[in-house]
Amino acid sequence: MAKGMTNPEVSELMSVSKDRVKELVSSILKKLEASNRTEAVQIATRCGIL
């Protein structure tokens, strides 16, 4: 997410389905209590995760 990749790009890179990527992104957003990818990256950076 921090590199700005789309779900299809991540799917290809990780060799998983697009639906699986969508599930993972949703899980990350929920855990970080973020409303979108940009906010998730900002929170993760602030918390030292990235």
C-alpha atoms as a PDB file:
ATOM      1  CA  MET A   1       0.000   0.000   0.000  1.00  0.00           C
ATOM      2  CA  ALA A   2       2.817   2.395   0.832  1.00  0.00           C
ATOM      3  CA  LYS A   3       4.104   2.088  -2.735  1.00  0.00           C
ATOM      4  CA  GLY A   4       0.713   3.037  -4.165  1.00  0.00           C
ATOM      5  CA  MET A   5       0.160  -0.272  -5.922  1.00  0.00           C
ATOM      6  CA  THR A   6      -3.321  -1.273  -7.040  1.00  0.00           C
ATOM      7  CA  ASN A   7      -5.006  -4.487  -5.924  1.00  0.00           C
ATOM      8  CA  PRO A   8      -4.295  -6.175  -9.290  1.00  0.00           C
ATOM      9  CA  GLU A   9      -0.618  -5.177  -9.055  1.00  0.00           C
ATOM     10  CA  VAL A  10      -0.338  -6.550  -5.517  1.00  0.00           C
ATOM     11  CA  SER A  11      -2.221  -9.670  -6.573  1.00  0.00           C
ATOM     12  CA  GLU A  12       0.280 -10.352  -9.332  1.00  0.00           C
ATOM     13  CA  LEU A  13       3.288  -9.594  -7.135  1.00  0.00           C
ATOM     14  CA  MET A  14       2.087 -11.845  -4.302  1.00  0.00           C
ATOM     15  CA  SER A  15       0.592 -14.548  -6.560  1.00  0.00           C
ATOM     16  CA  VAL A  16      -2.774 -14.391  -4.820  1.00  0.00           C
ATOM     17  CA  SER A  17      -6.239 -13.539  -6.083  1.00  0.00           C
ATOM     18  CA  LYS A  18      -7.504  -9.971  -6.329  1.00  0.00           C
ATOM     19  CA  ASP A  19     -10.242 -10.904  -3.858  1.00  0.00           C
ATOM     20  CA  ARG A  20      -7.629 -12.032  -1.337  1.00  0.00           C
ATOM     21  CA  VAL A  21      -5.776  -8.723  -1.694  1.00  0.00           C
ATOM     22  CA  LYS A  22      -9.061  -6.889  -1.137  1.00  0.00           C
ATOM     23  CA  GLU A  23      -9.641  -8.924   2.053  1.00  0.00           C
ATOM     24  CA  LEU A  24      -6.137  -8.163   3.309  1.00  0.00           C
ATOM     25  CA  VAL A  25      -6.453  -4.440   2.605  1.00  0.00           C
ATOM     26  CA  SER A  26      -9.811  -4.363   4.404  1.00  0.00           C
ATOM     27  CA  SER A  27      -8.273  -6.140   7.385  1.00  0.00           C
ATOM     28  CA  ILE A  28      -5.399  -3.657   7.551  1.00  0.00           C
ATOM     29  CA  LEU A  29      -7.778  -0.696   7.340  1.00  0.00           C
ATOM     30  CA  LYS A  30      -9.923  -2.128  10.127  1.00  0.00           C
ATOM     31  CA  LYS A  31      -6.966  -2.881  12.406  1.00  0.00           C
ATOM     32  CA  LEU A  32      -5.514   0.588  11.933  1.00  0.00           C
ATOM     33  CA  GLU A  33      -8.963   2.186  12.154  1.00  0.00           C
ATOM     34  CA  ALA A  34      -8.258   3.932   8.848  1.00  0.00           C
ATOM     35  CA  SER A  35     -10.879   4.931   6.304  1.00  0.00           C
ATOM     36  CA  ASN A  36      -8.641   4.569   3.247  1.00  0.00           C
ATOM     37  CA  ARG A  37      -5.215   3.392   2.076  1.00  0.00           C
ATOM     38  CA  THR A  38      -3.611   6.823   2.400  1.00  0.00           C
ATOM     39  CA  GLU A  39      -4.715   7.167   5.990  1.00  0.00           C
ATOM     40  CA  ALA A  40      -3.540   3.616   6.733  1.00  0.00           C
ATOM     41  CA  VAL A  41      -0.059   4.418   5.420  1.00  0.00           C
ATOM     42  CA  GLN A  42       0.046   7.620   7.479  1.00  0.00           C
ATOM     43  CA  ILE A  43      -0.969   5.770  10.649  1.00  0.00           C
ATOM     44  CA  ALA A  44       1.464   2.932  10.007  1.00  0.00           C
ATOM     45  CA  THR A  45       4.289   5.427   9.447  1.00  0.00           C
ATOM     46  CA  ARG A  46       3.471   7.336  12.627  1.00  0.00           C
ATOM     47  CA  CYS A  47       3.354   4.096  14.641  1.00  0.00           C
ATOM     48  CA  GLY A  48       6.688   2.901  13.250  1.00  0.00           C
ATOM     49  CA  ILE A  49       5.160  -0.026  11.369  1.00  0.00           C
ATOM     50  CA  LEU A  50       6.618   1.265   8.085  1.00  0.00           C
END
